[in-house]
Protein backbone atom coordinates (compact mmCIF):
# COMPACT_ATOMS: atom_id res chain seq x y z
CA MET A 1 31.44 -10.31 -16.56
CA ALA A 2 27.85 -8.91 -16.11
CA ARG A 3 25.05 -10.95 -14.04
CA GLU A 4 23.51 -13.42 -15.81
CA ASP A 5 20.51 -11.60 -13.31
CA ALA A 6 20.51 -8.18 -13.74
CA GLU A 7 17.97 -6.40 -14.52
CA PRO A 8 17.05 -4.85 -17.03
CA VAL A 9 18.40 -0.25 -17.52
CA SER A 10 14.62 0.71 -17.71
CA GLN A 11 13.63 -1.30 -14.55
CA ARG A 12 16.65 -0.69 -12.21
CA HIS A 13 16.85 3.09 -11.86
CA GLY A 14 13.50 4.04 -10.55
CA PRO A 15 9.80 4.07 -11.93
CA LEU A 16 8.92 4.25 -16.11
CA PHE A 17 7.72 7.70 -17.41
CA GLU A 18 5.09 6.15 -19.11
CA ILE A 19 2.92 9.59 -19.36
CA LYS A 20 4.31 11.67 -22.79
CA THR A 21 3.93 14.94 -21.68
CA THR A 22 3.53 17.41 -25.20
CA GLU A 23 5.28 20.60 -22.84
CA PRO A 24 8.16 21.42 -23.15
CA GLN A 25 8.27 24.14 -20.30
CA GLN A 26 6.56 21.12 -17.83
CA VAL A 27 8.94 18.55 -18.79
CA LEU A 28 11.64 21.71 -17.40
CA GLU A 29 10.46 22.31 -14.31
CA SER A 30 9.22 19.05 -13.44
CA VAL A 31 12.01 16.59 -14.65
CA PHE A 32 14.82 19.46 -14.14
CA GLY A 33 13.85 21.79 -11.26
CA TYR A 34 14.20 24.09 -13.65
CA ARG A 35 11.96 27.41 -13.61
CA GLU A 36 12.97 29.46 -17.09
CA PHE A 37 15.14 28.24 -20.46
CA ARG A 38 18.49 29.72 -21.52
CA PRO A 39 18.47 31.48 -24.50
CA GLY A 40 18.41 29.38 -27.70
CA GLN A 41 17.10 26.83 -25.66
CA ARG A 42 13.60 26.34 -26.46
CA HIS A 43 13.69 27.72 -30.23
CA ILE A 44 16.12 24.17 -30.72
CA ILE A 45 13.39 22.40 -29.50
CA ASP A 46 10.43 23.70 -30.74
CA ALA A 47 12.23 23.40 -33.71
CA VAL A 48 13.18 19.78 -33.53
CA LEU A 49 9.42 18.62 -32.11
CA ARG A 50 8.71 20.47 -35.68
CA GLY A 51 10.37 17.84 -37.29
CA ARG A 52 12.78 20.13 -38.29
CA ASP A 53 17.09 19.76 -39.22
CA CYS A 54 18.53 22.43 -35.91
CA ILE A 55 22.18 23.43 -35.27
CA GLY A 56 22.91 24.98 -32.53
CA VAL A 57 26.17 26.79 -31.63
CA MET A 58 25.78 27.79 -28.04
CA PRO A 59 29.35 28.23 -25.69
CA THR A 60 29.97 25.06 -23.28
CA GLY A 61 27.62 26.01 -20.05
CA ALA A 62 24.45 27.46 -22.17
CA GLY A 63 22.09 24.19 -21.48
CA LYS A 64 23.27 22.26 -24.78
CA SER A 65 22.04 18.84 -23.35
CA LEU A 66 18.21 20.26 -22.17
CA THR A 67 18.29 20.70 -26.22
CA PHE A 68 17.62 16.83 -26.38
CA GLN A 69 16.67 15.87 -23.01
CA ILE A 70 13.46 17.29 -23.07
CA PRO A 71 12.87 15.93 -26.43
CA ALA A 72 13.20 12.25 -25.66
CA LYS A 73 10.81 12.77 -23.03
CA ILE A 74 8.34 13.93 -25.73
CA LEU A 75 8.95 12.10 -28.82
CA PRO A 76 7.33 8.84 -29.47
CA GLY A 77 10.07 7.47 -29.93
CA ALA A 78 13.64 7.11 -29.21
CA VAL A 79 16.57 9.70 -28.74
CA LEU A 80 19.61 8.63 -30.62
CA VAL A 81 22.66 10.80 -29.30
CA ILE A 82 25.67 10.65 -31.34
CA SER A 83 28.67 11.45 -28.89
CA PRO A 84 32.39 10.70 -28.60
CA LEU A 85 33.90 9.77 -25.71
CA ILE A 86 32.75 6.90 -23.23
CA SER A 87 33.43 8.95 -20.13
CA LEU A 88 31.33 11.51 -20.95
CA MET A 89 28.92 9.37 -22.17
CA LYS A 90 28.17 7.68 -18.88
CA ASP A 91 28.16 10.52 -16.13
CA GLN A 92 25.15 11.88 -18.85
CA VAL A 93 23.67 8.69 -18.54
CA ASP A 94 24.77 7.86 -15.47
CA ALA A 95 22.95 11.20 -14.40
CA LEU A 96 19.98 11.09 -16.12
CA LEU A 97 18.89 8.19 -14.35
CA ARG A 98 18.89 10.30 -11.50
CA LEU A 99 16.41 12.20 -13.36
CA GLY A 100 14.28 9.45 -14.27
CA PHE A 101 14.74 8.65 -18.05
CA ARG A 102 15.16 5.69 -20.31
CA ALA A 103 19.06 6.18 -20.63
CA ALA A 104 22.07 4.01 -22.02
CA MET A 105 25.05 4.01 -24.16
CA LEU A 106 26.01 1.73 -26.61
CA ASN A 107 30.66 1.13 -26.54
CA SER A 108 32.90 -1.26 -26.29
CA SER A 109 33.05 -0.78 -22.38
CA LEU A 110 30.12 -3.16 -22.51
CA GLU A 111 30.24 -6.45 -21.60
CA TRP A 112 28.60 -8.84 -24.49
CA GLU A 113 25.42 -9.81 -22.19
CA ASP A 114 24.77 -5.41 -21.13
CA ARG A 115 24.60 -4.45 -25.26
CA ARG A 116 22.55 -7.30 -26.21
CA ARG A 117 20.24 -5.57 -23.23
CA VAL A 118 20.65 -2.94 -24.29
CA LEU A 119 19.83 -4.05 -28.08
CA SER A 120 16.63 -5.76 -26.70
CA GLU A 121 15.14 -2.74 -24.85
CA LEU A 122 16.31 -0.38 -27.57
CA ARG A 123 13.94 -2.23 -30.61
CA ARG A 124 10.52 -2.88 -27.61
CA GLY A 125 10.76 1.36 -27.53
CA GLU A 126 11.70 0.77 -23.96
CA LEU A 127 14.42 3.61 -23.98
CA GLU A 128 14.41 7.42 -23.92
CA LEU A 129 18.16 8.52 -24.63
CA VAL A 130 21.42 6.15 -27.05
CA TYR A 131 24.13 6.94 -26.51
CA VAL A 132 26.93 6.03 -28.65
CA ALA A 133 30.80 7.36 -30.29
CA PRO A 134 31.12 7.40 -34.12
CA GLU A 135 32.99 4.74 -33.77
CA GLY A 136 30.17 2.21 -33.07
CA LEU A 137 28.04 2.89 -36.27
CA GLU A 138 31.05 1.92 -38.28
CA GLY A 139 29.89 -1.60 -38.04
CA SER A 140 26.76 -3.79 -37.77
CA LEU A 141 25.20 -0.88 -34.91
CA ARG A 142 24.64 1.37 -37.61
CA ASP A 143 21.29 -1.40 -39.20
CA ILE A 144 20.62 -2.71 -36.16
CA ILE A 145 19.66 0.68 -35.08
CA ALA A 146 17.94 1.73 -38.47
CA GLU A 147 15.48 -0.29 -37.77
CA CYS A 148 15.20 0.42 -34.62
CA ASN A 149 12.22 3.15 -33.86
CA VAL A 150 14.20 6.38 -33.92
CA SER A 151 12.55 9.70 -34.14
CA LEU A 152 15.99 12.05 -33.30
CA VAL A 153 19.98 12.33 -34.06
CA VAL A 154 22.00 14.07 -32.65
CA VAL A 155 25.54 14.80 -33.25
CA ASP A 156 26.99 15.94 -30.02
CA GLU A 157 30.75 17.34 -30.40
CA ALA A 158 30.03 18.59 -34.22
CA HIS A 159 32.64 19.89 -35.31
CA CYS A 160 34.89 17.53 -35.08
CA ILE A 161 33.25 16.10 -38.47
CA SER A 162 34.59 19.29 -39.92
CA HIS A 163 38.55 18.95 -41.63
CA TRP A 164 38.75 23.00 -40.05
CA GLY A 165 37.67 22.27 -37.02
CA HIS A 166 40.15 22.39 -34.11
CA ASP A 167 39.76 18.95 -33.32
CA PHE A 168 38.41 17.11 -36.88
CA ARG A 169 38.11 13.24 -36.50
CA PRO A 170 37.50 11.33 -39.08
CA ALA A 171 34.93 8.60 -37.75
CA TYR A 172 32.61 11.71 -37.70
CA ARG A 173 33.08 12.70 -41.31
CA ARG A 174 31.37 8.43 -42.05
CA LEU A 175 27.80 9.70 -40.49
CA ARG A 176 27.24 10.91 -44.13
CA GLY A 177 23.85 8.73 -45.30
CA LEU A 178 23.09 8.51 -41.04
CA LYS A 179 19.91 11.07 -41.73
CA GLN A 180 18.63 8.54 -44.54
CA GLU A 181 19.53 5.39 -43.09
CA LEU A 182 16.69 5.57 -40.18
CA GLY A 183 14.36 7.34 -42.22
CA ASP A 184 14.44 10.68 -42.91
CA ILE A 185 14.33 12.40 -39.20
CA PRO A 186 15.29 14.88 -37.88
CA VAL A 187 18.76 15.67 -37.14
CA LEU A 188 20.40 18.58 -34.66
CA ALA A 189 24.19 18.80 -34.65
CA LEU A 190 25.44 21.30 -31.12
CA THR A 191 29.31 22.68 -30.69
CA ALA A 192 30.39 25.23 -28.71
CA THR A 193 33.44 26.41 -31.31
CA ALA A 194 32.18 27.17 -34.74
CA THR A 195 33.37 29.42 -37.38
CA ARG A 196 31.22 29.89 -39.63
CA ARG A 197 33.06 27.62 -42.30
CA VAL A 198 32.93 25.06 -39.65
CA ALA A 199 29.06 25.74 -39.58
CA ARG A 200 28.32 25.10 -43.40
CA ASP A 201 30.84 21.64 -43.23
CA ILE A 202 28.64 20.49 -40.43
CA LEU A 203 25.71 21.61 -42.85
CA GLN A 204 26.50 19.29 -45.78
CA GLN A 205 28.09 16.79 -43.70
CA LEU A 206 25.30 15.66 -42.30
CA GLY A 207 22.94 16.25 -45.08
CA MET A 208 20.95 18.74 -43.47
CA SER A 209 17.52 20.20 -45.55
CA LYS A 210 16.74 23.45 -44.45
CA PRO A 211 17.79 23.77 -41.44
CA GLU A 212 16.60 26.33 -38.53
CA GLY A 213 19.57 26.54 -36.37
CA HIS A 214 20.36 29.53 -32.89
CA LYS A 215 24.07 30.84 -32.82
CA GLY A 216 24.68 30.80 -28.33
CA SER A 217 25.95 34.46 -26.99
CA PHE A 218 29.95 33.55 -26.82
CA PHE A 219 30.60 35.92 -23.69
CA ARG A 220 31.00 33.88 -20.72
CA PRO A 221 31.53 37.21 -18.15
CA ASN A 222 32.35 34.10 -15.23
CA LEU A 223 35.06 33.36 -16.83
CA VAL A 224 37.79 35.85 -15.24
CA ILE A 225 40.48 35.43 -18.42
CA THR A 226 44.29 36.76 -17.70
CA ALA A 227 46.91 36.31 -20.27
CA GLN A 228 50.68 37.19 -18.94
CA LYS A 229 53.38 37.02 -21.90
CA LYS A 230 56.71 34.23 -20.10
CA GLY A 231 59.39 36.03 -19.70
CA SER A 232 59.63 38.99 -17.78
CA GLY A 233 61.56 38.35 -14.56
CA ARG A 234 58.40 35.84 -13.62
CA ASN A 235 58.80 32.00 -13.50
CA SER A 236 55.40 30.36 -15.25
CA ARG A 237 56.43 26.78 -12.66
CA ARG A 238 55.42 28.91 -9.96
CA ASP A 239 52.77 30.99 -10.95
CA VAL A 240 50.98 27.59 -11.95
CA GLY A 241 51.90 26.25 -7.84
CA GLY A 242 50.75 29.93 -6.75
CA VAL A 243 47.26 30.36 -8.74
CA ILE A 244 46.95 26.81 -8.07
CA LEU A 245 47.25 28.13 -4.04
CA ARG A 246 44.39 30.40 -5.17
CA HIS A 247 42.30 27.81 -5.65
CA SER A 248 43.40 26.10 -2.67
CA GLY A 249 40.62 22.65 -2.30
CA GLU A 250 38.54 23.84 -5.24
CA SER A 251 38.99 22.02 -8.85
CA GLY A 252 41.83 22.85 -11.46
CA ILE A 253 43.02 22.14 -15.14
CA VAL A 254 46.47 22.62 -16.18
CA TYR A 255 47.65 22.25 -19.61
CA CYS A 256 50.50 21.35 -20.96
CA ARG A 257 51.75 21.68 -24.34
CA SER A 258 53.90 18.35 -24.16
CA ARG A 259 54.14 15.04 -21.95
CA LYS A 260 57.59 15.71 -20.21
CA SER A 261 56.46 18.46 -19.53
CA VAL A 262 53.70 17.39 -17.81
CA ASP A 263 54.86 14.53 -16.01
CA SER A 264 57.50 17.70 -14.31
CA THR A 265 54.97 19.56 -13.45
CA THR A 266 53.21 17.14 -12.34
CA GLN A 267 55.53 16.33 -9.74
CA TRP A 268 56.28 19.66 -8.73
CA LEU A 269 52.90 19.96 -7.82
CA ARG A 270 53.56 17.53 -5.35
CA THR A 271 56.33 19.17 -3.86
CA GLN A 272 54.34 21.94 -3.06
CA GLY A 273 51.78 20.40 -1.40
CA ILE A 274 49.47 20.36 -4.32
CA ARG A 275 47.10 16.70 -5.21
CA ALA A 276 47.64 16.59 -8.59
CA LEU A 277 48.13 13.79 -11.50
CA PRO A 278 49.03 13.42 -15.06
CA TYR A 279 46.76 12.82 -17.76
CA HIS A 280 48.67 12.17 -21.51
CA ALA A 281 49.13 9.34 -24.17
CA GLY A 282 51.80 8.43 -23.06
CA LEU A 283 50.12 6.52 -20.04
CA ALA A 284 47.99 2.91 -19.90
CA ASP A 285 44.30 3.08 -19.96
CA GLU A 286 44.17 1.65 -16.92
CA GLU A 287 45.15 4.34 -15.62
CA ARG A 288 44.22 7.95 -17.52
CA ARG A 289 40.54 6.29 -16.88
CA HIS A 290 42.00 5.71 -12.52
CA ASN A 291 42.96 9.79 -12.51
CA GLN A 292 40.39 10.71 -14.89
CA ASP A 293 37.66 9.23 -12.12
CA ALA A 294 39.58 11.02 -9.35
CA PHE A 295 39.60 14.20 -10.65
CA ALA A 296 35.94 13.65 -11.40
CA ARG A 297 35.28 13.03 -8.09
CA ASP A 298 36.92 14.87 -5.99
CA GLU A 299 39.60 13.15 -4.65
CA VAL A 300 42.06 15.14 -5.98
CA GLU A 301 42.54 19.31 -6.50
CA VAL A 302 43.77 19.55 -10.27
CA ILE A 303 44.78 17.23 -13.48
CA VAL A 304 47.71 18.45 -15.02
CA ALA A 305 47.19 16.94 -18.83
CA THR A 306 47.63 17.66 -22.46
CA ILE A 307 44.94 18.77 -25.03
CA ALA A 308 44.41 14.45 -24.53
CA PHE A 309 42.38 15.59 -21.76
CA GLY A 310 38.54 17.26 -21.42
CA MET A 311 36.13 16.82 -24.03
CA GLY A 312 34.92 13.47 -22.44
CA ILE A 313 34.80 16.35 -18.96
CA ASP A 314 31.59 17.35 -17.27
CA LYS A 315 32.61 18.24 -14.49
CA SER A 316 30.15 21.53 -13.38
CA ASN A 317 32.46 22.54 -10.50
CA VAL A 318 35.89 23.52 -12.24
CA ARG A 319 37.64 26.83 -10.76
CA LEU A 320 40.42 26.97 -12.08
CA ILE A 321 42.08 26.36 -15.96
CA VAL A 322 45.83 26.98 -16.71
CA HIS A 323 47.43 26.95 -19.45
CA ARG A 324 51.29 26.34 -18.54
CA ASP A 325 52.44 27.21 -23.30
CA MET A 326 49.41 28.45 -25.82
CA PRO A 327 46.54 25.90 -26.57
CA ARG A 328 46.84 25.82 -31.25
CA SER A 329 44.25 27.66 -32.04
CA VAL A 330 41.42 30.19 -31.08
CA GLU A 331 38.27 27.49 -31.25
CA ALA A 332 40.93 25.54 -28.84
CA TRP A 333 41.35 27.98 -26.20
CA TYR A 334 38.12 28.79 -25.35
CA GLN A 335 37.29 24.99 -26.30
CA GLU A 336 40.06 24.30 -22.90
CA ILE A 337 38.74 27.63 -21.10
CA GLY A 338 34.65 26.39 -21.55
CA ARG A 339 35.95 23.85 -19.32
CA ALA A 340 35.63 25.87 -16.56
CA GLY A 341 32.39 27.57 -15.09
CA ARG A 342 30.13 25.31 -16.12
CA ASP A 343 27.30 25.85 -13.06
CA GLY A 344 27.99 29.95 -13.56
CA LEU A 345 30.28 30.99 -10.73
CA ARG A 346 32.91 32.80 -10.78
CA SER A 347 36.98 31.16 -12.52
CA ASP A 348 40.08 31.51 -13.11
CA CYS A 349 41.29 31.03 -16.75
CA VAL A 350 45.14 32.22 -16.77
CA LEU A 351 46.67 31.87 -20.65
CA MET A 352 50.92 31.57 -20.23
CA TYR A 353 52.13 31.89 -23.87
CA SER A 354 55.14 33.18 -25.89
CA TRP A 355 56.22 33.08 -29.52
CA ALA A 356 58.67 29.66 -28.43
CA ASP A 357 54.82 27.96 -28.25
CA VAL A 358 53.61 29.05 -31.62
CA ILE A 359 57.15 27.16 -32.57
CA GLY A 360 57.26 24.62 -30.17
CA TYR A 361 54.24 23.43 -32.11
CA ASP A 362 55.50 23.46 -35.51
CA HIS A 363 56.81 19.88 -35.36
CA PHE A 364 53.20 18.78 -35.22
CA LEU A 365 52.74 19.74 -38.41
CA ASN A 366 54.65 17.20 -40.75
CA ALA A 367 51.30 15.24 -39.45
CA VAL A 368 49.33 16.58 -41.96
CA ASP A 369 49.61 15.65 -45.32
CA ASP A 370 46.51 18.49 -46.64
CA PRO A 371 49.70 21.73 -47.19
CA LEU A 372 46.72 24.08 -47.70
CA LEU A 373 45.24 22.20 -43.97
CA ARG A 374 49.28 22.79 -42.86
CA ALA A 375 49.46 25.45 -43.60
CA GLU A 376 45.94 27.20 -42.33
CA THR A 377 46.83 24.92 -38.83
CA ARG A 378 49.79 27.31 -38.71
CA ARG A 379 47.52 30.25 -39.05
CA LYS A 380 45.59 29.23 -36.41
CA THR A 381 48.20 29.69 -34.10
CA VAL A 382 49.53 32.50 -34.88
CA ASP A 383 46.12 34.39 -35.10
CA LEU A 384 45.86 32.95 -31.37
CA PHE A 385 49.20 35.01 -30.82
CA GLU A 386 49.07 37.95 -32.82
CA LEU A 387 45.34 37.83 -30.36
CA LEU A 388 47.05 37.54 -27.04
CA GLU A 389 49.88 40.45 -28.20
CA ARG A 390 46.98 43.07 -29.36
CA GLY A 391 46.02 44.26 -25.54
CA GLU A 392 42.10 45.00 -26.20
CA CYS A 393 39.45 43.46 -23.63
CA ARG A 394 40.30 39.23 -24.08
CA HIS A 395 36.63 38.25 -23.85
CA ARG A 396 36.31 41.01 -27.25
CA ALA A 397 39.09 39.49 -29.28
CA LEU A 398 37.75 36.34 -27.75
CA VAL A 399 34.14 36.30 -29.15
CA SER A 400 35.15 38.96 -32.56
CA HIS A 401 37.31 35.16 -33.56
CA PHE A 402 33.34 33.87 -33.77
CA ASP A 403 32.02 37.26 -35.58
CA GLU A 404 30.08 38.34 -32.39
CA GLU A 405 30.83 42.37 -31.54
CA ILE A 406 30.75 43.33 -27.47
CA ASP A 407 31.75 45.34 -25.49
CA SER A 408 34.37 45.55 -23.28
CA CYS A 409 33.77 43.06 -20.48
CA GLY A 410 34.93 45.51 -17.38
CA GLU A 411 35.46 43.21 -15.14
CA SER A 412 35.94 39.46 -16.60
CA CYS A 413 39.97 39.96 -18.12
CA ASP A 414 42.97 41.56 -17.19
CA VAL A 415 43.11 44.03 -19.44
CA CYS A 416 39.89 45.83 -18.38
CA SER A 417 40.32 45.32 -14.82
CA GLY A 418 43.98 46.94 -14.46
CA ARG A 419 44.80 44.07 -12.45
CA GLY A 420 47.31 41.06 -13.53
CA LEU A 421 49.03 37.70 -12.82
CA GLU A 422 50.21 38.63 -9.76
CA ALA A 423 46.55 39.51 -7.66
CA ILE A 424 45.87 36.02 -8.41
CA VAL A 425 48.68 34.34 -7.92
CA VAL A 426 49.36 33.68 -3.98
CA SER A 427 53.18 32.72 -2.71
CA SER A 428 53.30 29.88 -0.73
CA SER A 429 55.03 31.95 2.05
CA ARG A 430 51.66 33.22 3.05
CA LEU A 431 49.57 30.60 3.52
CA PRO A 432 50.85 27.51 5.99
CA LYS A 433 53.36 24.52 5.52
CA ARG A 434 52.40 21.67 2.92
CA PRO A 435 53.98 18.69 2.90
CA ALA A 436 54.53 16.50 0.27
CA ALA A 437 51.26 16.05 -1.95
CA THR A 438 50.10 11.60 -1.85
CA VAL A 439 47.10 10.66 -3.69
CA GLN A 440 44.79 8.35 -1.98
CA GLY A 441 41.50 8.72 -3.34
CA SER A 442 40.42 10.51 -0.08
CA ALA A 443 37.94 13.18 -0.36
CA LEU A 444 39.93 16.51 0.10
CA VAL A 445 39.52 19.33 2.85
CA THR A 446 39.19 22.54 1.33
CA ARG A 447 41.35 24.98 2.36
CA GLY A 448 41.30 29.08 2.64
CA ALA A 449 37.98 29.03 1.34
CA ARG A 450 36.16 32.42 0.88
CA ALA A 451 33.14 34.27 1.46
CA ALA A 452 31.16 32.97 -1.29
CA SER A 453 29.05 36.60 -1.80
CA THR A 454 32.75 38.09 -2.89
CA GLU A 455 34.36 35.22 -4.48
CA THR A 456 32.11 33.30 -6.61
CA GLY A 457 30.04 35.30 -8.61
CA GLY A 458 27.29 33.10 -7.76
CA GLY A 459 23.77 34.47 -6.76
CA ASP A 460 19.92 33.18 -6.06
CA ALA A 461 18.19 33.06 -9.21
CA THR A 462 15.26 33.91 -7.82
CA GLY A 463 16.34 37.04 -5.74
CA ALA A 464 15.84 35.59 -2.49
CA PRO A 465 16.94 36.67 0.64
CA ASP A 466 19.75 35.84 2.20
CA THR A 467 19.34 33.89 5.03
CA LEU A 468 22.91 34.23 7.05
CA ASP A 469 26.00 35.81 7.21
CA PRO A 470 28.50 35.13 4.06
CA ALA A 471 31.08 33.51 6.06
CA ALA A 472 28.19 31.12 7.84
CA ALA A 473 27.12 30.56 4.65
CA GLU A 474 30.85 29.61 2.98
CA GLU A 475 31.28 27.04 6.25
CA LEU A 476 27.93 25.86 5.65
CA PHE A 477 28.79 25.04 2.06
CA GLN A 478 31.66 23.53 2.67
CA ARG A 479 29.45 21.02 4.42
CA LEU A 480 27.20 20.39 2.17
CA ARG A 481 29.53 19.10 -0.13
CA VAL A 482 30.67 16.45 1.91
CA LEU A 483 27.49 15.71 2.52
CA ARG A 484 27.30 15.09 -1.54
CA LYS A 485 30.67 13.88 -1.38
CA ARG A 486 30.03 10.84 -0.18
CA LEU A 487 26.50 10.04 -0.76
CA ALA A 488 28.13 10.52 -5.06
CA ASP A 489 30.74 8.28 -3.86
CA ALA A 490 28.02 5.56 -2.48
CA GLU A 491 26.65 5.53 -5.76
CA LYS A 492 30.16 6.00 -7.06
CA VAL A 493 29.11 9.05 -9.29
CA PRO A 494 31.10 12.14 -9.48
CA ALA A 495 29.79 14.74 -6.90
CA TYR A 496 28.80 17.45 -9.79
CA ILE A 497 26.13 14.76 -10.53
CA VAL A 498 23.55 14.28 -7.60
CA PHE A 499 24.20 18.76 -7.38
CA SER A 500 26.74 21.23 -8.96
CA ASP A 501 27.72 24.12 -6.95
CA ALA A 502 25.45 26.45 -7.69
CA VAL A 503 23.05 24.81 -5.92
CA LEU A 504 25.18 23.94 -3.34
CA ARG A 505 25.22 28.10 -3.02
CA GLU A 506 22.04 28.73 -2.98
CA MET A 507 20.53 26.25 0.03
CA ALA A 508 23.61 27.76 1.45
CA ARG A 509 21.89 31.18 1.06
CA ARG A 510 18.67 30.12 1.35
CA VAL A 511 18.99 27.37 4.35
CA PRO A 512 15.77 25.48 3.58
CA GLN A 513 14.39 23.45 6.27
CA THR A 514 11.24 22.01 4.49
CA SER A 515 10.71 19.36 0.74
CA ALA A 516 8.76 22.50 -0.58
CA ALA A 517 11.50 25.12 0.32
CA LEU A 518 14.00 22.78 -1.03
CA LEU A 519 12.21 21.80 -4.48
CA ASP A 520 11.55 26.12 -5.30
CA ILE A 521 15.72 26.13 -4.67
CA THR A 522 16.42 25.88 -8.99
CA GLY A 523 18.23 23.21 -10.09
CA VAL A 524 16.35 21.00 -7.33
CA GLY A 525 13.46 18.20 -9.45
CA PRO A 526 11.50 16.17 -8.06
CA ALA A 527 13.28 13.66 -9.13
CA LYS A 528 16.74 14.54 -6.78
CA LEU A 529 14.06 15.60 -4.17
CA ARG A 530 13.01 11.68 -3.61
CA ARG A 531 16.72 10.88 -3.90
CA TYR A 532 18.75 13.13 -1.55
CA GLY A 533 16.57 15.39 -0.34
CA ASP A 534 15.99 13.59 3.49
CA ALA A 535 19.75 13.53 3.72
CA PHE A 536 20.26 17.21 2.28
CA LEU A 537 17.39 18.92 5.03
CA GLU A 538 18.94 16.36 7.95
CA LEU A 539 21.85 18.82 7.53
CA LEU A 540 20.24 22.30 7.09
CA ARG A 541 18.40 21.42 9.48
CA ASP A 542 20.89 21.31 12.10
CA SER A 543 22.54 24.54 10.17
């Protein structure tokens, strides 16, 4: 139950930022600790600040969130963010509060008192960002928000509004007219996976007027793609286990087509000493929440899941995505591998596929009433199979689906590098025997750590010289991870909300000794320096 004496959200988490700036660059540096915008971010920010509708088609990891979080520090009213999953809202709000934002969410997880308090803060103009689910705007909340001072509507995962997208949600369709109800304010639609057809549908459904737009590159070279056709004497289950062992101690997601496969794969991985948990719609709500939280907080190595898992994950340090079965479409594949390497560090994406997977999806088509939509849905699955069979550069084939042309990737896929699945599968005989895993919620102990300079693909964006040799930097990185997890556990948030792996890698290589030096690391802003600086500097000074 809500506490009667609970303080307002805007007063519980540090000082209010009453002074509004008009300069996005200042917010980028002083709030987020970054020095440069990523491609497209400033263009979108400037468009919405001018009051223009805008659509941003940007790959996962391109920094879509900053395109509305920075305007929230500049615009006079609140930014209303329509987001698909409660877990995603909670993580984003938790992260924003730690950056000094006045942010809150309105959804079914709130007690009545908390919901009333957030609405009161919104009415009084005390909130900069408010996250709501599309389903939440189907009742009285829509009328209440219409009476508040809202400066911008953001529709995240906007492809969900289109029948032709890969993850259609009816509640998104009912957002039509919201722009006008809120006083014809600008609308920002964001998605990582929109073809031209889906993008046109988004604009029409949201009633956007002469929108500006930005389409980023879909090529993510830090994702190393390996595709393996099933059969040919290989054992898929052992291959899955062998890839996970290569990433021992790191976070990974294994996608399976059916709930039965999820359960059996999870149990087998546990017999191999791998801490794994299942996630699918057949589990009780509480068990799903527990398993997702355990994964987000680095208490298990692997989540084995159906496609029910993932959209609500904003975890930046996922190092491995394995598709035990082929996804339903190219768009779904891109969305799912996009959950790896969001911090820009090197991550493996392994896809196992067969024609049997195509056939296996046919029974889902019975639920599709529209014959044209049913035919297109199956065509998308066949398209992915044929794309994989062509044997061309995986990245080049993938981005061409989104109307982008690139040269061959060079080293970021099995076709171009010449290294197939056998190159990244570790035989269990090459590692110490691990006892059958039990998941107790304790922190992970990293095994098989590899030198950052050769494995992560990350780097110091400032070009500063390394202070430690790779082995020493790796050892320090692991100690920084332990500290990060301890701080995150104390605050009951996922570890990546404290700092990303990329930030810890840079700390481990540069070993800053002062607050000024720590602040010079990209991703360490003033708010996080105040909150976590002393703890990290103490460890770094002892290195």
